[in-house]
Amino acid sequence: MSEHPFAPFVRILGKGKTGSRSLTREEARDAMTMILQDEVRPEQLGAFLMLLRVKEEAPEELAGFVDAARAVACAPESLHVDLDWSSYAGKKRQLPWFLLAAFVLAENGERIFMHGVKGHTAGRIYTEDMLQLFGLQPCHDWQAVSQSLDSHAFAFMSIDTLVPKLGDIIELRNIFGLRSPVHTLCRLINPLQAEYTVDGVFHPAYAPMHQQASYLLAMQNSLTIRGDGGEAELKPDSDCEVRWIRQGELSDTTWSRIYERRLVKDPSLDVTLLPAVWRGEKSHQYGEGAVITTLAAVLLLRGRAADHAEAVVQATSMWENRSRERFQ
């Protein structure tokens, strides 16, 4: 019986402390292409993903995985967006206030493509489920994305539509008991190859990994936020680590809080607060602070503000002058 063609990729990762190594970008691309084309046996997939998990994926491997995923996504080259925003973690301690920051940006001339996943971890609030609160729907093809961008300057697509096989693998989290490298890969796909990207991480080690992989993917401007719960949302009452690529230059900074003291967490999460706060029917100190500080960071990334202080002033003004009637 001849060796399975995927076996060499497992062997590269699993030959022990002295014999194993990371995949090259080309090897990672070829391996992920086989996975996405269902040319891999289930036991091989499990071994491959968990060997990567133990080793921790290298930036070159992530770049190769993204190469393969972009080829499958088949995004139209003619479709333009200003900002790619990934949303894969879900929220459990706070509401997804970053969604309101994205809507403010959309009102102020930014075309935003957001992609994410839902349902893989119980007890979390996922962006896709929030869209209906604002009269929006996830897009199920690129034509719908184009129409949503033209109508709202905002479009959301699930990874289950974007690259369905990756959605299937994310669902294996409860089988493995661990996240897999696919969770990182999805955040970096940027299928429309927007010039600016925003993503979030939870674990400290993943922030530089995202930044370095984005650099290998020739991203000139990206923002990786280690904020609330792994989503790209800055905490207004706590300093947060942020990593940048600006005009091709890598840097990392601490984004300063805008409230001096930590705020008391809500005893429960009421998702109807999101549209109510947007319309001005209710106020929420933490939520509005999260919107302003997240918005400010993206404005700085986009070059619409010169520094942190100016960005916060601009973000505050944009938030206060939002169209409260937009989501009636």
C-alpha atoms as a PDB file:
ATOM      1  CA  MET A   1       0.000   0.000   0.000  1.00  0.00           C
ATOM      2  CA  SER A   2       1.498   3.345  -1.042  1.00  0.00           C
ATOM      3  CA  GLU A   3       1.857   6.263   1.364  1.00  0.00           C
ATOM      4  CA  HIS A   4      -0.977   8.772   1.485  1.00  0.00           C
ATOM      5  CA  PRO A   5       0.102  12.065  -0.177  1.00  0.00           C
ATOM      6  CA  PHE A   6      -0.760  14.036   2.976  1.00  0.00           C
ATOM      7  CA  ALA A   7       1.444  11.845   5.201  1.00  0.00           C
ATOM      8  CA  PRO A   8       4.649  13.850   4.570  1.00  0.00           C
ATOM      9  CA  PHE A   9       3.061  16.977   6.085  1.00  0.00           C
ATOM     10  CA  VAL A  10       2.162  15.108   9.276  1.00  0.00           C
ATOM     11  CA  ARG A  11       5.646  13.598   9.385  1.00  0.00           C
ATOM     12  CA  ILE A  12       7.344  17.005   9.099  1.00  0.00           C
ATOM     13  CA  LEU A  13       5.497  18.175  12.216  1.00  0.00           C
ATOM     14  CA  GLY A  14       5.614  14.934  14.196  1.00  0.00           C
ATOM     15  CA  LYS A  15       9.147  13.507  13.975  1.00  0.00           C
ATOM     16  CA  GLY A  16       9.986  14.418  17.540  1.00  0.00           C
ATOM     17  CA  LYS A  17      12.018  17.098  19.267  1.00  0.00           C
ATOM     18  CA  THR A  18      15.051  16.827  17.000  1.00  0.00           C
ATOM     19  CA  GLY A  19      13.472  15.687  13.751  1.00  0.00           C
ATOM     20  CA  SER A  20      10.395  17.868  13.426  1.00  0.00           C
ATOM     21  CA  ARG A  21      10.244  21.390  12.029  1.00  0.00           C
ATOM     22  CA  SER A  22       7.757  24.013  10.904  1.00  0.00           C
ATOM     23  CA  LEU A  23       6.320  23.870   7.409  1.00  0.00           C
ATOM     24  CA  THR A  24       7.560  26.291   4.803  1.00  0.00           C
ATOM     25  CA  ARG A  25       4.993  28.697   3.386  1.00  0.00           C
ATOM     26  CA  GLU A  26       4.728  26.590   0.231  1.00  0.00           C
ATOM     27  CA  GLU A  27       4.288  23.359   2.215  1.00  0.00           C
ATOM     28  CA  ALA A  28       1.640  24.995   4.396  1.00  0.00           C
ATOM     29  CA  ARG A  29      -0.219  26.202   1.303  1.00  0.00           C
ATOM     30  CA  ASP A  30      -0.141  22.734  -0.263  1.00  0.00           C
ATOM     31  CA  ALA A  31      -1.249  21.050   2.968  1.00  0.00           C
ATOM     32  CA  MET A  32      -4.150  23.448   3.512  1.00  0.00           C
ATOM     33  CA  THR A  33      -5.179  23.121  -0.137  1.00  0.00           C
ATOM     34  CA  MET A  34      -5.516  19.360   0.334  1.00  0.00           C
ATOM     35  CA  ILE A  35      -7.527  19.908   3.517  1.00  0.00           C
ATOM     36  CA  LEU A  36      -9.892  22.375   1.860  1.00  0.00           C
ATOM     37  CA  GLN A  37     -10.375  20.009  -1.084  1.00  0.00           C
ATOM     38  CA  ASP A  38     -11.296  17.106   1.245  1.00  0.00           C
ATOM     39  CA  GLU A  39      -8.257  15.098   0.185  1.00  0.00           C
ATOM     40  CA  VAL A  40      -7.257  14.292   3.776  1.00  0.00           C
ATOM     41  CA  ARG A  41      -8.458  11.494   6.040  1.00  0.00           C
ATOM     42  CA  PRO A  42     -10.101  12.568   9.334  1.00  0.00           C
ATOM     43  CA  GLU A  43      -7.348  11.027  11.451  1.00  0.00           C
ATOM     44  CA  GLN A  44      -4.722  12.884   9.428  1.00  0.00           C
ATOM     45  CA  LEU A  45      -6.567  16.172   9.876  1.00  0.00           C
ATOM     46  CA  GLY A  46      -6.789  15.684  13.646  1.00  0.00           C
ATOM     47  CA  ALA A  47      -3.115  14.774  13.934  1.00  0.00           C
ATOM     48  CA  PHE A  48      -2.027  17.680  11.740  1.00  0.00           C
ATOM     49  CA  LEU A  49      -4.046  20.307  13.594  1.00  0.00           C
ATOM     50  CA  MET A  50      -3.055  19.142  17.060  1.00  0.00           C
ATOM     51  CA  LEU A  51       0.636  18.835  16.181  1.00  0.00           C
ATOM     52  CA  LEU A  52       0.459  22.440  15.010  1.00  0.00           C
ATOM     53  CA  ARG A  53      -1.395  23.382  18.188  1.00  0.00           C
ATOM     54  CA  VAL A  54       1.292  21.887  20.429  1.00  0.00           C
ATOM     55  CA  LYS A  55       4.123  23.408  18.408  1.00  0.00           C
ATOM     56  CA  GLU A  56       2.266  26.717  17.896  1.00  0.00           C
ATOM     57  CA  GLU A  57       1.840  27.808  14.314  1.00  0.00           C
ATOM     58  CA  ALA A  58       4.645  29.833  12.725  1.00  0.00           C
ATOM     59  CA  PRO A  59       3.944  33.031  10.767  1.00  0.00           C
ATOM     60  CA  GLU A  60       5.180  31.331   7.561  1.00  0.00           C
ATOM     61  CA  GLU A  61       2.696  28.512   8.092  1.00  0.00           C
ATOM     62  CA  LEU A  62      -0.164  30.940   8.652  1.00  0.00           C
ATOM     63  CA  ALA A  63       0.757  32.835   5.489  1.00  0.00           C
ATOM     64  CA  GLY A  64       0.685  29.601   3.492  1.00  0.00           C
ATOM     65  CA  PHE A  65      -2.665  28.625   4.980  1.00  0.00           C
ATOM     66  CA  VAL A  66      -4.069  32.037   4.017  1.00  0.00           C
ATOM     67  CA  ASP A  67      -2.781  31.603   0.461  1.00  0.00           C
ATOM     68  CA  ALA A  68      -4.794  28.389   0.187  1.00  0.00           C
ATOM     69  CA  ALA A  69      -7.920  29.831   1.815  1.00  0.00           C
ATOM     70  CA  ARG A  70      -7.954  32.892  -0.439  1.00  0.00           C
ATOM     71  CA  ALA A  71      -7.830  30.658  -3.500  1.00  0.00           C
ATOM     72  CA  VAL A  72     -10.915  28.791  -2.312  1.00  0.00           C
ATOM     73  CA  ALA A  73     -12.800  31.958  -1.342  1.00  0.00           C
ATOM     74  CA  CYS A  74     -12.666  33.195  -4.952  1.00  0.00           C
ATOM     75  CA  ALA A  75     -13.356  36.805  -3.968  1.00  0.00           C
ATOM     76  CA  PRO A  76     -13.904  39.086  -6.975  1.00  0.00           C
ATOM     77  CA  GLU A  77     -10.945  41.361  -7.665  1.00  0.00           C
ATOM     78  CA  SER A  78     -13.314  44.155  -8.726  1.00  0.00           C
ATOM     79  CA  LEU A  79     -14.958  44.421  -5.296  1.00  0.00           C
ATOM     80  CA  HIS A  80     -13.320  47.159  -3.217  1.00  0.00           C
ATOM     81  CA  VAL A  81     -13.410  47.624   0.547  1.00  0.00           C
ATOM     82  CA  ASP A  82     -11.424  49.988   2.742  1.00  0.00           C
ATOM     83  CA  LEU A  83     -11.283  47.847   5.846  1.00  0.00           C
ATOM     84  CA  ASP A  84     -11.310  44.101   6.570  1.00  0.00           C
ATOM     85  CA  TRP A  85     -12.532  43.362  10.123  1.00  0.00           C
ATOM     86  CA  SER A  86     -12.474  39.818  11.512  1.00  0.00           C
ATOM     87  CA  SER A  87     -14.815  38.683  14.310  1.00  0.00           C
ATOM     88  CA  TYR A  88     -14.341  35.093  15.460  1.00  0.00           C
ATOM     89  CA  ALA A  89     -14.067  34.988  19.253  1.00  0.00           C
ATOM     90  CA  GLY A  90     -17.544  35.971  20.419  1.00  0.00           C
ATOM     91  CA  LYS A  91     -18.161  37.983  23.580  1.00  0.00           C
ATOM     92  CA  LYS A  92     -19.064  36.689  27.043  1.00  0.00           C
ATOM     93  CA  ARG A  93     -18.148  39.465  29.508  1.00  0.00           C
ATOM     94  CA  GLN A  94     -19.303  42.482  27.517  1.00  0.00           C
ATOM     95  CA  LEU A  95     -21.577  43.080  24.556  1.00  0.00           C
ATOM     96  CA  PRO A  96     -19.962  43.393  21.079  1.00  0.00           C
ATOM     97  CA  TRP A  97     -19.717  47.178  21.205  1.00  0.00           C
ATOM     98  CA  PHE A  98     -17.120  47.133  18.417  1.00  0.00           C
ATOM     99  CA  LEU A  99     -19.995  46.544  16.000  1.00  0.00           C
ATOM    100  CA  LEU A 100     -21.253  50.067  16.716  1.00  0.00           C
ATOM    101  CA  ALA A 101     -17.757  51.412  16.059  1.00  0.00           C
ATOM    102  CA  ALA A 102     -17.845  49.719  12.654  1.00  0.00           C
ATOM    103  CA  PHE A 103     -21.232  51.291  11.902  1.00  0.00           C
ATOM    104  CA  VAL A 104     -19.909  54.746  12.786  1.00  0.00           C
ATOM    105  CA  LEU A 105     -16.985  54.231  10.429  1.00  0.00           C
ATOM    106  CA  ALA A 106     -19.364  53.121   7.694  1.00  0.00           C
ATOM    107  CA  GLU A 107     -21.331  56.353   8.153  1.00  0.00           C
ATOM    108  CA  ASN A 108     -18.120  58.288   7.729  1.00  0.00           C
ATOM    109  CA  GLY A 109     -17.016  56.969   4.379  1.00  0.00           C
ATOM    110  CA  GLU A 110     -15.405  53.607   5.155  1.00  0.00           C
ATOM    111  CA  ARG A 111     -16.490  50.475   3.245  1.00  0.00           C
ATOM    112  CA  ILE A 112     -16.168  47.634   5.754  1.00  0.00           C
ATOM    113  CA  PHE A 113     -16.157  43.892   5.137  1.00  0.00           C
ATOM    114  CA  MET A 114     -16.577  41.890   8.352  1.00  0.00           C
ATOM    115  CA  HIS A 115     -16.311  38.105   8.524  1.00  0.00           C
ATOM    116  CA  GLY A 116     -16.684  35.698  11.407  1.00  0.00           C
ATOM    117  CA  VAL A 117     -18.204  32.583  12.853  1.00  0.00           C
ATOM    118  CA  LYS A 118     -20.918  31.750  15.323  1.00  0.00           C
ATOM    119  CA  GLY A 119     -21.928  29.064  17.733  1.00  0.00           C
ATOM    120  CA  HIS A 120     -18.696  27.148  18.322  1.00  0.00           C
ATOM    121  CA  THR A 121     -18.544  28.045  22.044  1.00  0.00           C
ATOM    122  CA  ALA A 122     -21.638  28.030  24.224  1.00  0.00           C
ATOM    123  CA  GLY A 123     -22.437  31.148  26.217  1.00  0.00           C
ATOM    124  CA  ARG A 124     -20.810  33.608  23.817  1.00  0.00           C
ATOM    125  CA  ILE A 125     -22.456  36.331  21.746  1.00  0.00           C
ATOM    126  CA  TYR A 126     -21.471  36.267  18.080  1.00  0.00           C
ATOM    127  CA  THR A 127     -21.603  39.164  15.646  1.00  0.00           C
ATOM    128  CA  GLU A 128     -23.679  37.330  13.058  1.00  0.00           C
ATOM    129  CA  ASP A 129     -26.516  36.918  15.548  1.00  0.00           C
ATOM    130  CA  MET A 130     -26.514  40.651  16.276  1.00  0.00           C
ATOM    131  CA  LEU A 131     -27.089  41.782  12.695  1.00  0.00           C
ATOM    132  CA  GLN A 132     -30.855  41.287  12.782  1.00  0.00           C
ATOM    133  CA  LEU A 133     -31.095  43.826  15.619  1.00  0.00           C
ATOM    134  CA  PHE A 134     -30.015  46.425  13.061  1.00  0.00           C
ATOM    135  CA  GLY A 135     -32.068  45.177  10.134  1.00  0.00           C
ATOM    136  CA  LEU A 136     -29.033  43.548   8.509  1.00  0.00           C
ATOM    137  CA  GLN A 137     -28.430  40.014   7.239  1.00  0.00           C
ATOM    138  CA  PRO A 138     -25.288  37.964   6.638  1.00  0.00           C
ATOM    139  CA  CYS A 139     -24.298  37.768   2.980  1.00  0.00           C
ATOM    140  CA  HIS A 140     -24.423  34.378   1.283  1.00  0.00           C
ATOM    141  CA  ASP A 141     -22.518  35.271  -1.893  1.00  0.00           C
ATOM    142  CA  TRP A 142     -20.271  37.993  -3.259  1.00  0.00           C
ATOM    143  CA  GLN A 143     -23.126  39.675  -5.091  1.00  0.00           C
ATOM    144  CA  ALA A 144     -24.906  40.153  -1.768  1.00  0.00           C
ATOM    145  CA  VAL A 145     -21.687  41.561  -0.298  1.00  0.00           C
ATOM    146  CA  SER A 146     -21.486  44.087  -3.112  1.00  0.00           C
ATOM    147  CA  GLN A 147     -25.102  45.124  -2.634  1.00  0.00           C
ATOM    148  CA  SER A 148     -24.740  45.438   1.145  1.00  0.00           C
ATOM    149  CA  LEU A 149     -21.620  47.564   0.753  1.00  0.00           C
ATOM    150  CA  ASP A 150     -23.400  49.846  -1.699  1.00  0.00           C
ATOM    151  CA  SER A 151     -26.453  50.166   0.582  1.00  0.00           C
ATOM    152  CA  HIS A 152     -24.840  50.262   4.021  1.00  0.00           C
ATOM    153  CA  ALA A 153     -21.057  50.548   3.460  1.00  0.00           C
ATOM    154  CA  PHE A 154     -20.956  47.404   5.608  1.00  0.00           C
ATOM    155  CA  ALA A 155     -21.202  43.705   4.798  1.00  0.00           C
ATOM    156  CA  PHE A 156     -20.834  40.554   6.888  1.00  0.00           C
ATOM    157  CA  MET A 157     -20.086  37.048   5.642  1.00  0.00           C
ATOM    158  CA  SER A 158     -19.808  33.917   7.749  1.00  0.00           C
ATOM    159  CA  ILE A 159     -16.766  31.686   7.351  1.00  0.00           C
ATOM    160  CA  ASP A 160     -19.308  28.936   6.609  1.00  0.00           C
ATOM    161  CA  THR A 161     -20.002  30.789   3.358  1.00  0.00           C
ATOM    162  CA  LEU A 162     -16.554  32.260   2.782  1.00  0.00           C
ATOM    163  CA  VAL A 163     -14.600  28.986   3.103  1.00  0.00           C
ATOM    164  CA  PRO A 164     -17.079  26.308   4.300  1.00  0.00           C
ATOM    165  CA  LYS A 165     -14.454  23.702   5.164  1.00  0.00           C
ATOM    166  CA  LEU A 166     -12.842  26.095   7.643  1.00  0.00           C
ATOM    167  CA  GLY A 167     -16.229  26.550   9.279  1.00  0.00           C
ATOM    168  CA  ASP A 168     -16.479  22.771   9.645  1.00  0.00           C
ATOM    169  CA  ILE A 169     -13.035  22.601  11.246  1.00  0.00           C
ATOM    170  CA  ILE A 170     -13.848  25.380  13.712  1.00  0.00           C
ATOM    171  CA  GLU A 171     -16.781  23.278  14.877  1.00  0.00           C
ATOM    172  CA  LEU A 172     -14.291  20.579  15.895  1.00  0.00           C
ATOM    173  CA  ARG A 173     -13.243  22.714  18.864  1.00  0.00           C
ATOM    174  CA  ASN A 174     -15.623  20.838  21.130  1.00  0.00           C
ATOM    175  CA  ILE A 175     -14.300  17.514  19.795  1.00  0.00           C
ATOM    176  CA  PHE A 176     -10.637  18.384  20.346  1.00  0.00           C
ATOM    177  CA  GLY A 177     -11.248  20.364  23.526  1.00  0.00           C
ATOM    178  CA  LEU A 178      -8.831  22.937  22.101  1.00  0.00           C
ATOM    179  CA  ARG A 179      -8.809  25.681  19.517  1.00  0.00           C
ATOM    180  CA  SER A 180      -6.884  24.861  16.354  1.00  0.00           C
ATOM    181  CA  PRO A 181      -4.700  26.998  14.060  1.00  0.00           C
ATOM    182  CA  VAL A 182      -7.771  27.502  11.888  1.00  0.00           C
ATOM    183  CA  HIS A 183      -9.067  30.027  14.449  1.00  0.00           C
ATOM    184  CA  THR A 184      -5.991  32.155  13.736  1.00  0.00           C
ATOM    185  CA  LEU A 185      -6.043  31.520   9.994  1.00  0.00           C
ATOM    186  CA  CYS A 186      -9.611  32.760   9.599  1.00  0.00           C
ATOM    187  CA  ARG A 187      -8.822  36.098  11.201  1.00  0.00           C
ATOM    188  CA  LEU A 188      -6.104  36.757   8.639  1.00  0.00           C
ATOM    189  CA  ILE A 189      -7.833  35.749   5.382  1.00  0.00           C
ATOM    190  CA  ASN A 190      -8.717  39.280   4.233  1.00  0.00           C
ATOM    191  CA  PRO A 191     -10.284  37.762   1.091  1.00  0.00           C
ATOM    192  CA  LEU A 192     -10.903  41.096  -0.645  1.00  0.00           C
ATOM    193  CA  GLN A 193      -7.325  42.129   0.178  1.00  0.00           C
ATOM    194  CA  ALA A 194      -8.328  45.406   1.783  1.00  0.00           C
ATOM    195  CA  GLU A 195      -5.447  47.801   2.351  1.00  0.00           C
ATOM    196  CA  TYR A 196      -6.348  48.038   6.054  1.00  0.00           C
ATOM    197  CA  THR A 197      -7.223  45.179   8.434  1.00  0.00           C
ATOM    198  CA  VAL A 198      -8.397  44.899  12.036  1.00  0.00           C
ATOM    199  CA  ASP A 199      -8.361  41.724  14.125  1.00  0.00           C
ATOM    200  CA  GLY A 200      -8.375  40.699  17.766  1.00  0.00           C
ATOM    201  CA  VAL A 201      -6.578  38.142  19.942  1.00  0.00           C
ATOM    202  CA  PHE A 202      -6.944  36.914  23.495  1.00  0.00           C
ATOM    203  CA  HIS A 203      -3.706  35.058  24.314  1.00  0.00           C
ATOM    204  CA  PRO A 204      -0.582  37.259  24.464  1.00  0.00           C
ATOM    205  CA  ALA A 205       1.514  35.015  22.199  1.00  0.00           C
ATOM    206  CA  TYR A 206      -0.870  35.396  19.286  1.00  0.00           C
ATOM    207  CA  ALA A 207      -0.599  39.174  18.879  1.00  0.00           C
ATOM    208  CA  PRO A 208       2.968  39.148  17.470  1.00  0.00           C
ATOM    209  CA  MET A 209       2.115  36.015  15.469  1.00  0.00           C
ATOM    210  CA  HIS A 210      -0.781  37.835  13.757  1.00  0.00           C
ATOM    211  CA  GLN A 211       1.390  40.850  13.115  1.00  0.00           C
ATOM    212  CA  GLN A 212       4.245  38.854  11.594  1.00  0.00           C
ATOM    213  CA  ALA A 213       1.932  36.741   9.437  1.00  0.00           C
ATOM    214  CA  SER A 214       0.230  39.893   8.150  1.00  0.00           C
ATOM    215  CA  TYR A 215       3.641  41.295   7.274  1.00  0.00           C
ATOM    216  CA  LEU A 216       4.503  38.154   5.285  1.00  0.00           C
ATOM    217  CA  LEU A 217       1.191  38.546   3.484  1.00  0.00           C
ATOM    218  CA  ALA A 218       2.369  42.003   2.380  1.00  0.00           C
ATOM    219  CA  MET A 219      -0.136  43.877   4.539  1.00  0.00           C
ATOM    220  CA  GLN A 220       0.905  47.510   4.683  1.00  0.00           C
ATOM    221  CA  ASN A 221      -1.564  48.591   7.389  1.00  0.00           C
ATOM    222  CA  SER A 222      -2.997  46.334  10.080  1.00  0.00           C
ATOM    223  CA  LEU A 223      -4.140  46.608  13.669  1.00  0.00           C
ATOM    224  CA  THR A 224      -4.169  43.658  16.078  1.00  0.00           C
ATOM    225  CA  ILE A 225      -5.958  44.368  19.354  1.00  0.00           C
ATOM    226  CA  ARG A 226      -5.560  42.338  22.515  1.00  0.00           C
ATOM    227  CA  GLY A 227      -8.780  43.690  23.956  1.00  0.00           C
ATOM    228  CA  ASP A 228     -11.984  42.263  25.336  1.00  0.00           C
ATOM    229  CA  GLY A 229     -12.436  38.521  24.956  1.00  0.00           C
ATOM    230  CA  GLY A 230     -10.359  38.086  21.824  1.00  0.00           C
ATOM    231  CA  GLU A 231     -12.410  40.445  19.671  1.00  0.00           C
ATOM    232  CA  ALA A 232     -11.057  43.646  18.115  1.00  0.00           C
ATOM    233  CA  GLU A 233     -12.472  45.870  20.843  1.00  0.00           C
ATOM    234  CA  LEU A 234     -10.431  48.069  23.156  1.00  0.00           C
ATOM    235  CA  LYS A 235     -11.357  48.304  26.823  1.00  0.00           C
ATOM    236  CA  PRO A 236     -12.114  51.889  27.862  1.00  0.00           C
ATOM    237  CA  ASP A 237     -11.261  51.205  31.500  1.00  0.00           C
ATOM    238  CA  SER A 238      -8.030  49.246  31.033  1.00  0.00           C
ATOM    239  CA  ASP A 239      -4.814  49.710  29.073  1.00  0.00           C
ATOM    240  CA  CYS A 240      -4.626  47.338  26.078  1.00  0.00           C
ATOM    241  CA  GLU A 241      -1.814  45.925  23.963  1.00  0.00           C
ATOM    242  CA  VAL A 242      -2.029  46.834  20.279  1.00  0.00           C
ATOM    243  CA  ARG A 243       0.261  45.834  17.430  1.00  0.00           C
ATOM    244  CA  TRP A 244       0.483  47.801  14.236  1.00  0.00           C
ATOM    245  CA  ILE A 245       1.714  47.636  10.722  1.00  0.00           C
ATOM    246  CA  ARG A 246       1.632  51.178   9.367  1.00  0.00           C
ATOM    247  CA  GLN A 247       2.991  51.849   5.911  1.00  0.00           C
ATOM    248  CA  GLY A 248       4.839  48.550   6.163  1.00  0.00           C
ATOM    249  CA  GLU A 249       6.490  49.362   9.518  1.00  0.00           C
ATOM    250  CA  LEU A 250       5.902  47.072  12.513  1.00  0.00           C
ATOM    251  CA  SER A 251       5.392  48.472  16.016  1.00  0.00           C
ATOM    252  CA  ASP A 252       3.624  47.699  19.276  1.00  0.00           C
ATOM    253  CA  THR A 253       2.144  50.105  21.788  1.00  0.00           C
ATOM    254  CA  THR A 254      -0.105  50.254  24.815  1.00  0.00           C
ATOM    255  CA  TRP A 255      -3.442  51.950  24.134  1.00  0.00           C
ATOM    256  CA  SER A 256      -4.305  54.024  27.170  1.00  0.00           C
ATOM    257  CA  ARG A 257      -7.675  53.771  28.864  1.00  0.00           C
ATOM    258  CA  ILE A 258     -10.072  56.711  28.723  1.00  0.00           C
ATOM    259  CA  TYR A 259     -11.595  56.003  32.174  1.00  0.00           C
ATOM    260  CA  GLU A 260      -9.366  56.168  35.233  1.00  0.00           C
ATOM    261  CA  ARG A 261     -11.213  53.460  37.151  1.00  0.00           C
ATOM    262  CA  ARG A 262     -12.490  50.019  36.236  1.00  0.00           C
ATOM    263  CA  LEU A 263     -16.236  49.963  35.691  1.00  0.00           C
ATOM    264  CA  VAL A 264     -18.586  47.470  37.270  1.00  0.00           C
ATOM    265  CA  LYS A 265     -19.531  44.687  34.864  1.00  0.00           C
ATOM    266  CA  ASP A 266     -23.233  44.261  34.067  1.00  0.00           C
ATOM    267  CA  PRO A 267     -24.732  41.268  35.913  1.00  0.00           C
ATOM    268  CA  SER A 268     -26.155  39.978  32.611  1.00  0.00           C
ATOM    269  CA  LEU A 269     -25.846  40.830  28.928  1.00  0.00           C
ATOM    270  CA  ASP A 270     -28.886  42.327  27.210  1.00  0.00           C
ATOM    271  CA  VAL A 271     -28.255  42.481  23.465  1.00  0.00           C
ATOM    272  CA  THR A 272     -31.130  44.920  22.927  1.00  0.00           C
ATOM    273  CA  LEU A 273     -28.896  47.538  24.569  1.00  0.00           C
ATOM    274  CA  LEU A 274     -26.847  47.718  21.361  1.00  0.00           C
ATOM    275  CA  PRO A 275     -29.505  49.302  19.113  1.00  0.00           C
ATOM    276  CA  ALA A 276     -30.999  51.214  22.070  1.00  0.00           C
ATOM    277  CA  VAL A 277     -27.665  52.880  22.838  1.00  0.00           C
ATOM    278  CA  TRP A 278     -27.152  53.647  19.147  1.00  0.00           C
ATOM    279  CA  ARG A 279     -30.545  55.366  18.976  1.00  0.00           C
ATOM    280  CA  GLY A 280     -29.819  57.318  22.157  1.00  0.00           C
ATOM    281  CA  GLU A 281     -32.715  55.688  24.016  1.00  0.00           C
ATOM    282  CA  LYS A 282     -30.327  54.347  26.652  1.00  0.00           C
ATOM    283  CA  SER A 283     -26.813  55.165  27.766  1.00  0.00           C
ATOM    284  CA  HIS A 284     -24.047  52.773  28.780  1.00  0.00           C
ATOM    285  CA  GLN A 285     -20.773  54.162  30.079  1.00  0.00           C
ATOM    286  CA  TYR A 286     -18.626  51.126  29.332  1.00  0.00           C
ATOM    287  CA  GLY A 287     -20.227  50.456  25.959  1.00  0.00           C
ATOM    288  CA  GLU A 288     -19.961  54.004  24.661  1.00  0.00           C
ATOM    289  CA  GLY A 289     -16.393  54.204  25.928  1.00  0.00           C
ATOM    290  CA  ALA A 290     -15.559  50.957  24.109  1.00  0.00           C
ATOM    291  CA  VAL A 291     -17.054  52.339  20.899  1.00  0.00           C
ATOM    292  CA  ILE A 292     -15.061  55.576  21.140  1.00  0.00           C
ATOM    293  CA  THR A 293     -11.710  54.028  22.022  1.00  0.00           C
ATOM    294  CA  THR A 294     -12.011  51.251  19.412  1.00  0.00           C
ATOM    295  CA  LEU A 295     -13.098  53.771  16.802  1.00  0.00           C
ATOM    296  CA  ALA A 296     -10.169  56.006  17.725  1.00  0.00           C
ATOM    297  CA  ALA A 297      -7.643  53.215  17.155  1.00  0.00           C
ATOM    298  CA  VAL A 298      -9.050  52.480  13.700  1.00  0.00           C
ATOM    299  CA  LEU A 299      -9.003  56.183  12.803  1.00  0.00           C
ATOM    300  CA  LEU A 300      -5.315  56.263  13.721  1.00  0.00           C
ATOM    301  CA  LEU A 301      -4.687  53.159  11.608  1.00  0.00           C
ATOM    302  CA  ARG A 302      -6.464  54.775   8.659  1.00  0.00           C
ATOM    303  CA  GLY A 303      -4.375  57.925   8.972  1.00  0.00           C
ATOM    304  CA  ARG A 304      -7.407  60.054   9.785  1.00  0.00           C
ATOM    305  CA  ALA A 305      -5.799  61.280  13.029  1.00  0.00           C
ATOM    306  CA  ALA A 306      -2.243  62.275  13.852  1.00  0.00           C
ATOM    307  CA  ASP A 307      -2.002  60.757  17.327  1.00  0.00           C
ATOM    308  CA  HIS A 308      -3.901  59.052  20.150  1.00  0.00           C
ATOM    309  CA  ALA A 309      -5.365  62.243  21.618  1.00  0.00           C
ATOM    310  CA  GLU A 310      -6.611  63.570  18.287  1.00  0.00           C
ATOM    311  CA  ALA A 311      -8.064  60.181  17.420  1.00  0.00           C
ATOM    312  CA  VAL A 312     -10.092  60.085  20.650  1.00  0.00           C
ATOM    313  CA  VAL A 313     -11.427  63.595  20.021  1.00  0.00           C
ATOM    314  CA  GLN A 314     -12.445  62.682  16.464  1.00  0.00           C
ATOM    315  CA  ALA A 315     -13.997  59.403  17.565  1.00  0.00           C
ATOM    316  CA  THR A 316     -16.016  61.139  20.273  1.00  0.00           C
ATOM    317  CA  SER A 317     -17.311  63.657  17.765  1.00  0.00           C
ATOM    318  CA  MET A 318     -18.238  60.951  15.254  1.00  0.00           C
ATOM    319  CA  TRP A 319     -20.083  58.979  17.919  1.00  0.00           C
ATOM    320  CA  GLU A 320     -21.991  62.008  19.183  1.00  0.00           C
ATOM    321  CA  ASN A 321     -22.974  62.968  15.631  1.00  0.00           C
ATOM    322  CA  ARG A 322     -24.025  59.510  14.448  1.00  0.00           C
ATOM    323  CA  SER A 323     -27.355  59.104  12.674  1.00  0.00           C
ATOM    324  CA  ARG A 324     -29.554  57.951  15.533  1.00  0.00           C
ATOM    325  CA  GLU A 325     -32.420  57.296  13.117  1.00  0.00           C
ATOM    326  CA  ARG A 326     -30.393  54.855  11.029  1.00  0.00           C
ATOM    327  CA  PHE A 327     -31.561  51.718  12.864  1.00  0.00           C
ATOM    328  CA  GLN A 328     -35.143  52.584  13.711  1.00  0.00           C
END
